[in-house]
Amino acid sequence: MTQVDDWQLTADVVRSFSNTPDQRLKHILTELVQSSHDFVRRTNLTFEEWNYAIDYLARTGHACTPARQEFVLLADVLGISMLVDAINHRERDGATPTTVLGPFYVGEHKLLPHGSNISSGVSGAPMFVRIRVADVSGKPIGHAIVDVWHADDDGLYDSQKASYPEEGPSLRARFAVDAQGCLSFRTILPCSYPIPTDGPVGELLDASARHPMRPAHVHFLVAAEGFEPLVTHVFIAGDKNLESDAVFGVKSELISHLEEHDESPMPDGSPANGPWYVLTYEFRMQPGNGTAPTPLPGTRRA
């Protein structure tokens, strides 16, 4: 029989899971009970606070749609997403650092040829991306598949817009590298942008006097048979939000110093009407059990 003593209550709840057949699940449930009970004790949680927490989580769930994942966003701003990423990638052995996938990867990117312009019809300063995919020793991986996506000049991803998916993808694509592990494409210079703040996550940021900004970046998902999949960003050097990313995703090795140009024509032969930029980066992949099918496996998480 459960006793009134709160420490005995914790022990009783933990014991209730003692016959769980899956030992990993048993361990997780035990740690969850002990940690959550300790939290309640340490904070002397009130009924009002408990009821607010239940309501908050319910509203977070209600805010989730096929085009929005508020729970992923909540985990991001609490640093949980990056913590899970960190503990699962402790040994990088010279490989490119990982970071969060984010809530705007749709997993349905169209395969395009090298040199494609993925920003057609989108305003912004032209940016040419040149990347190379290699193993940790620098040997090119000529069979890698690379997914790229980023926000527009207004800080919005295509999947956040009412016109998506009818008008097709914008600022996102999939590429197959060449035999030397290289690829290039044209896009626009990304900018800092706020994460969505019109839901429960925005409420949390307001209550804690935190800003919602992410520094300018381009997302990359690199996959190749025989290598661990790489989910990462490349950030733009000089962005004022690099030191205070709302989702804690910045790592110094992922910051790229762009080349600025003004000569005409640009690398794709089109005339320059102002400054244009070049982003260069080499991704180094760690050996593993990854594959690179098309389309890449994964759930829709736009």
Protein backbone atom coordinates (compact mmCIF):
# COMPACT_ATOMS: atom_id res chain seq x y z
CA MET A 1 0.00 0.00 0.00
CA THR A 2 1.30 3.44 -0.97
CA GLN A 3 2.25 5.50 2.10
CA VAL A 4 1.72 9.23 2.66
CA ASP A 5 5.49 9.82 2.86
CA ASP A 6 6.55 11.33 -0.49
CA TRP A 7 9.85 9.40 -0.65
CA GLN A 8 7.99 6.14 -0.09
CA LEU A 9 5.59 7.16 -2.86
CA THR A 10 8.50 7.47 -5.30
CA ALA A 11 9.81 4.06 -4.28
CA ASP A 12 6.36 2.51 -4.72
CA VAL A 13 5.95 3.95 -8.21
CA VAL A 14 9.41 2.77 -9.24
CA ARG A 15 8.63 -0.71 -7.88
CA SER A 16 5.41 -0.80 -9.95
CA PHE A 17 7.61 -1.01 -13.07
CA SER A 18 9.83 -3.78 -11.71
CA ASN A 19 8.33 -6.46 -13.97
CA THR A 20 8.76 -4.49 -17.20
CA PRO A 21 10.14 -7.10 -19.67
CA ASP A 22 12.18 -4.62 -21.74
CA GLN A 23 15.13 -3.73 -19.52
CA ARG A 24 15.91 -0.51 -21.39
CA LEU A 25 12.31 0.64 -20.99
CA LYS A 26 12.41 -0.31 -17.32
CA HIS A 27 15.55 1.81 -16.85
CA ILE A 28 14.04 4.81 -18.64
CA LEU A 29 10.79 4.64 -16.67
CA THR A 30 12.68 4.34 -13.39
CA GLU A 31 14.83 7.37 -14.18
CA LEU A 32 11.80 9.33 -15.38
CA VAL A 33 9.88 8.69 -12.17
CA GLN A 34 12.81 9.47 -9.92
CA SER A 35 13.82 12.63 -11.79
CA SER A 36 10.28 14.01 -12.11
CA HIS A 37 9.46 13.28 -8.47
CA ASP A 38 12.72 14.98 -7.41
CA PHE A 39 11.77 18.00 -9.52
CA VAL A 40 8.37 18.27 -7.84
CA ARG A 41 9.99 18.03 -4.40
CA ARG A 42 12.76 20.53 -5.13
CA THR A 43 10.38 23.14 -6.52
CA ASN A 44 7.52 22.52 -4.05
CA LEU A 45 5.22 22.52 -7.05
CA THR A 46 1.81 24.06 -6.36
CA PHE A 47 -1.55 22.87 -7.66
CA GLU A 48 -1.80 26.04 -9.76
CA GLU A 49 1.59 25.41 -11.34
CA TRP A 50 0.77 21.76 -11.97
CA ASN A 51 -2.52 22.64 -13.64
CA TYR A 52 -0.78 25.27 -15.76
CA ALA A 53 1.83 22.71 -16.85
CA ILE A 54 -0.89 20.25 -17.90
CA ASP A 55 -2.69 22.97 -19.84
CA TYR A 56 0.57 24.13 -21.43
CA LEU A 57 1.47 20.65 -22.68
CA ALA A 58 -2.08 20.13 -23.97
CA ARG A 59 -1.86 23.40 -25.92
CA THR A 60 1.55 22.40 -27.26
CA GLY A 61 0.00 19.23 -28.64
CA HIS A 62 -2.93 21.12 -30.12
CA ALA A 63 -0.49 23.46 -31.90
CA CYS A 64 1.04 20.50 -33.79
CA THR A 65 -0.12 20.02 -37.38
CA PRO A 66 1.28 18.21 -40.46
CA ALA A 67 3.12 21.50 -41.18
CA ARG A 68 4.25 22.32 -37.63
CA GLN A 69 5.82 20.36 -34.77
CA GLU A 70 5.51 22.44 -31.62
CA PHE A 71 6.93 19.71 -29.38
CA VAL A 72 10.14 19.61 -31.46
CA LEU A 73 10.32 23.39 -31.14
CA LEU A 74 9.79 23.16 -27.38
CA ALA A 75 12.57 20.57 -27.07
CA ASP A 76 14.79 22.86 -29.17
CA VAL A 77 14.39 25.96 -26.97
CA LEU A 78 14.88 23.90 -23.80
CA GLY A 79 18.15 22.57 -25.19
CA ILE A 80 16.87 18.99 -25.07
CA SER A 81 17.25 18.45 -28.82
CA MET A 82 20.88 19.51 -28.72
CA LEU A 83 21.52 17.46 -25.57
CA VAL A 84 20.16 14.29 -27.22
CA ASP A 85 22.27 15.10 -30.26
CA ALA A 86 25.38 15.66 -28.10
CA ILE A 87 25.17 12.42 -26.12
CA ASN A 88 24.61 10.41 -29.30
CA HIS A 89 27.59 12.00 -31.07
CA ARG A 90 30.22 12.16 -28.34
CA GLU A 91 32.97 10.55 -30.41
CA ARG A 92 33.32 12.44 -33.69
CA ASP A 93 36.91 11.35 -34.50
CA GLY A 94 37.53 14.24 -36.90
CA ALA A 95 34.04 14.20 -38.42
CA THR A 96 31.99 17.36 -38.92
CA PRO A 97 29.99 18.31 -35.82
CA THR A 98 26.27 17.57 -35.82
CA THR A 99 23.40 19.80 -34.80
CA VAL A 100 19.59 19.70 -34.67
CA LEU A 101 17.48 18.61 -37.63
CA GLY A 102 14.93 21.30 -36.83
CA PRO A 103 11.19 21.24 -37.49
CA PHE A 104 11.28 22.20 -41.20
CA TYR A 105 12.80 19.15 -42.87
CA VAL A 106 10.09 17.62 -45.05
CA GLY A 107 12.02 14.57 -46.28
CA GLU A 108 10.70 14.88 -49.83
CA HIS A 109 13.41 16.90 -51.55
CA LYS A 110 13.66 16.79 -55.34
CA LEU A 111 16.92 15.57 -56.85
CA LEU A 112 18.48 18.40 -58.90
CA PRO A 113 21.61 18.63 -61.09
CA HIS A 114 24.75 20.45 -60.02
CA GLY A 115 24.65 24.19 -60.54
CA SER A 116 20.88 24.41 -60.06
CA ASN A 117 19.32 27.58 -58.71
CA ILE A 118 17.13 26.54 -55.78
CA SER A 119 16.04 30.16 -55.16
CA SER A 120 14.27 30.89 -58.43
CA GLY A 121 11.71 33.65 -57.90
CA VAL A 122 12.91 34.39 -54.37
CA SER A 123 14.37 37.80 -53.50
CA GLY A 124 17.75 38.08 -51.81
CA ALA A 125 21.46 38.49 -52.48
CA PRO A 126 22.78 35.66 -54.66
CA MET A 127 24.91 33.05 -52.88
CA PHE A 128 26.82 30.23 -54.54
CA VAL A 129 27.42 27.16 -52.39
CA ARG A 130 30.40 24.92 -53.06
CA ILE A 131 30.80 21.89 -50.83
CA ARG A 132 32.85 18.74 -50.70
CA VAL A 133 32.02 15.49 -48.88
CA ALA A 134 34.91 13.38 -47.59
CA ASP A 135 35.75 10.81 -44.95
CA VAL A 136 37.69 11.75 -41.82
CA SER A 137 41.00 11.30 -43.67
CA GLY A 138 39.95 13.68 -46.46
CA LYS A 139 39.26 11.02 -49.11
CA PRO A 140 36.26 12.06 -51.24
CA ILE A 141 32.98 10.18 -50.88
CA GLY A 142 31.68 10.06 -54.43
CA HIS A 143 28.36 8.38 -53.66
CA ALA A 144 26.94 10.81 -51.08
CA ILE A 145 23.46 12.31 -51.23
CA VAL A 146 23.03 15.81 -49.82
CA ASP A 147 19.75 17.43 -48.79
CA VAL A 148 19.82 21.22 -48.30
CA TRP A 149 17.19 23.64 -47.03
CA HIS A 150 17.06 27.12 -45.52
CA ALA A 151 14.79 30.09 -44.86
CA ASP A 152 14.08 32.95 -47.26
CA ASP A 153 14.94 36.64 -46.94
CA ASP A 154 11.91 37.08 -44.65
CA GLY A 155 13.04 34.27 -42.36
CA LEU A 156 10.40 31.79 -43.53
CA TYR A 157 10.75 28.23 -44.82
CA ASP A 158 8.62 27.21 -47.78
CA SER A 159 6.70 24.73 -45.60
CA GLN A 160 5.56 27.62 -43.36
CA LYS A 161 3.70 29.26 -46.24
CA ALA A 162 0.09 28.69 -47.24
CA SER A 163 1.20 28.10 -50.85
CA TYR A 164 3.20 24.99 -49.89
CA PRO A 165 3.21 22.34 -51.30
CA GLU A 166 1.13 23.41 -54.31
CA GLU A 167 3.86 25.72 -55.64
CA GLY A 168 6.55 23.12 -55.05
CA PRO A 169 9.76 23.30 -53.02
CA SER A 170 11.73 26.50 -52.66
CA LEU A 171 15.17 26.91 -51.07
CA ARG A 172 15.37 23.14 -50.60
CA ALA A 173 16.68 20.34 -52.80
CA ARG A 174 18.62 17.09 -52.95
CA PHE A 175 21.90 16.61 -54.79
CA ALA A 176 24.18 13.70 -55.61
CA VAL A 177 27.84 14.66 -55.32
CA ASP A 178 30.27 14.01 -58.18
CA ALA A 179 33.10 11.46 -58.14
CA GLN A 180 35.26 13.90 -56.16
CA GLY A 181 32.55 14.38 -53.53
CA CYS A 182 31.80 17.89 -54.77
CA LEU A 183 28.66 19.80 -55.65
CA SER A 184 27.65 23.40 -56.22
CA PHE A 185 24.35 25.23 -56.43
CA ARG A 186 22.93 28.74 -56.35
CA THR A 187 20.62 30.13 -53.70
CA ILE A 188 20.25 33.37 -51.71
CA LEU A 189 22.13 34.66 -48.69
CA PRO A 190 20.17 33.46 -45.63
CA CYS A 191 19.35 35.83 -42.79
CA SER A 192 18.68 35.60 -39.08
CA TYR A 193 15.09 34.71 -38.31
CA PRO A 194 12.79 34.16 -35.35
CA ILE A 195 11.46 30.72 -34.57
CA PRO A 196 7.62 30.61 -34.53
CA THR A 197 6.37 32.54 -31.49
CA ASP A 198 2.60 32.46 -32.03
CA GLY A 199 2.15 29.31 -29.93
CA PRO A 200 3.09 27.90 -26.52
CA VAL A 201 6.83 28.08 -27.26
CA GLY A 202 6.53 31.81 -27.91
CA GLU A 203 4.66 32.12 -24.61
CA LEU A 204 7.59 30.45 -22.84
CA LEU A 205 10.14 32.76 -24.45
CA ASP A 206 8.10 35.84 -23.53
CA ALA A 207 7.72 34.71 -19.93
CA SER A 208 11.47 34.14 -19.61
CA ALA A 209 12.52 37.33 -21.45
CA ARG A 210 14.37 35.33 -24.12
CA HIS A 211 14.65 36.36 -27.76
CA PRO A 212 13.47 33.92 -30.48
CA MET A 213 16.24 34.53 -33.01
CA ARG A 214 18.35 31.99 -34.83
CA PRO A 215 21.54 33.08 -36.64
CA ALA A 216 21.63 32.77 -40.43
CA HIS A 217 22.37 29.22 -41.57
CA VAL A 218 21.87 26.56 -44.21
CA HIS A 219 20.74 23.05 -43.21
CA PHE A 220 22.52 19.99 -44.60
CA LEU A 221 21.68 16.30 -44.31
CA VAL A 222 24.45 14.17 -45.82
CA ALA A 223 24.04 10.43 -46.30
CA ALA A 224 26.26 7.79 -47.88
CA GLU A 225 26.44 4.03 -47.70
CA GLY A 226 29.01 2.95 -45.12
CA PHE A 227 28.95 6.23 -43.21
CA GLU A 228 27.01 7.64 -40.27
CA PRO A 229 24.39 10.12 -41.57
CA LEU A 230 25.36 13.73 -40.90
CA VAL A 231 22.71 16.25 -39.85
CA THR A 232 24.17 19.71 -39.44
CA HIS A 233 24.03 23.44 -40.27
CA VAL A 234 26.56 25.82 -41.75
CA PHE A 235 26.29 29.21 -40.05
CA ILE A 236 27.23 32.58 -41.53
CA ALA A 237 30.15 34.30 -39.80
CA GLY A 238 29.42 37.73 -38.35
CA ASP A 239 25.79 37.12 -37.50
CA LYS A 240 24.90 38.91 -34.26
CA ASN A 241 22.92 35.91 -32.97
CA LEU A 242 25.74 33.35 -33.14
CA GLU A 243 26.35 33.66 -29.40
CA SER A 244 22.67 33.43 -28.42
CA ASP A 245 20.99 30.97 -30.79
CA ALA A 246 17.46 30.32 -29.49
CA VAL A 247 17.93 26.56 -29.95
CA PHE A 248 21.60 26.32 -28.86
CA GLY A 249 22.68 24.80 -32.18
CA VAL A 250 25.83 26.80 -32.99
CA LYS A 251 29.26 25.13 -32.91
CA SER A 252 32.38 27.07 -33.85
CA GLU A 253 33.46 24.48 -36.44
CA LEU A 254 30.22 25.06 -38.34
CA ILE A 255 30.75 28.80 -38.90
CA SER A 256 31.70 29.76 -42.46
CA HIS A 257 33.34 33.01 -43.57
CA LEU A 258 31.74 33.92 -46.89
CA GLU A 259 33.56 35.45 -49.84
CA GLU A 260 31.90 38.68 -51.00
CA HIS A 261 32.08 39.64 -54.68
CA ASP A 262 30.69 42.36 -56.94
CA GLU A 263 32.16 41.51 -60.34
CA SER A 264 29.96 40.53 -63.26
CA PRO A 265 29.01 38.03 -64.51
CA MET A 266 28.44 35.71 -61.58
CA PRO A 267 29.67 32.08 -61.64
CA ASP A 268 26.51 30.88 -63.41
CA GLY A 269 26.99 33.46 -66.18
CA SER A 270 24.17 35.79 -65.10
CA PRO A 271 24.85 39.51 -64.64
CA ALA A 272 25.52 40.85 -61.16
CA ASN A 273 23.26 43.64 -59.98
CA GLY A 274 24.94 44.02 -56.62
CA PRO A 275 27.09 42.00 -54.23
CA TRP A 276 27.03 38.22 -54.35
CA TYR A 277 28.57 35.62 -52.06
CA VAL A 278 30.31 32.26 -52.05
CA LEU A 279 29.95 29.72 -49.23
CA THR A 280 32.57 26.97 -49.22
CA TYR A 281 32.56 24.06 -46.80
CA GLU A 282 33.95 20.54 -46.52
CA PHE A 283 31.93 17.91 -44.68
CA ARG A 284 33.79 14.99 -43.14
CA MET A 285 31.81 11.86 -42.45
CA GLN A 286 32.36 9.17 -39.85
CA PRO A 287 32.25 5.46 -40.76
CA GLY A 288 28.95 3.81 -39.84
CA ASN A 289 25.99 1.80 -41.02
CA GLY A 290 24.25 4.53 -42.99
CA THR A 291 22.74 4.17 -46.45
CA ALA A 292 21.80 6.73 -49.07
CA PRO A 293 18.53 5.68 -50.72
CA THR A 294 16.31 8.11 -52.60
CA PRO A 295 14.14 9.25 -50.96
CA LEU A 296 15.93 9.23 -47.64
CA PRO A 297 14.00 7.43 -44.88
CA GLY A 298 12.31 9.49 -42.22
CA THR A 299 8.99 10.88 -41.14
CA ARG A 300 7.51 14.11 -42.39
CA ARG A 301 8.47 16.77 -39.89
CA ALA A 302 7.75 20.05 -41.68
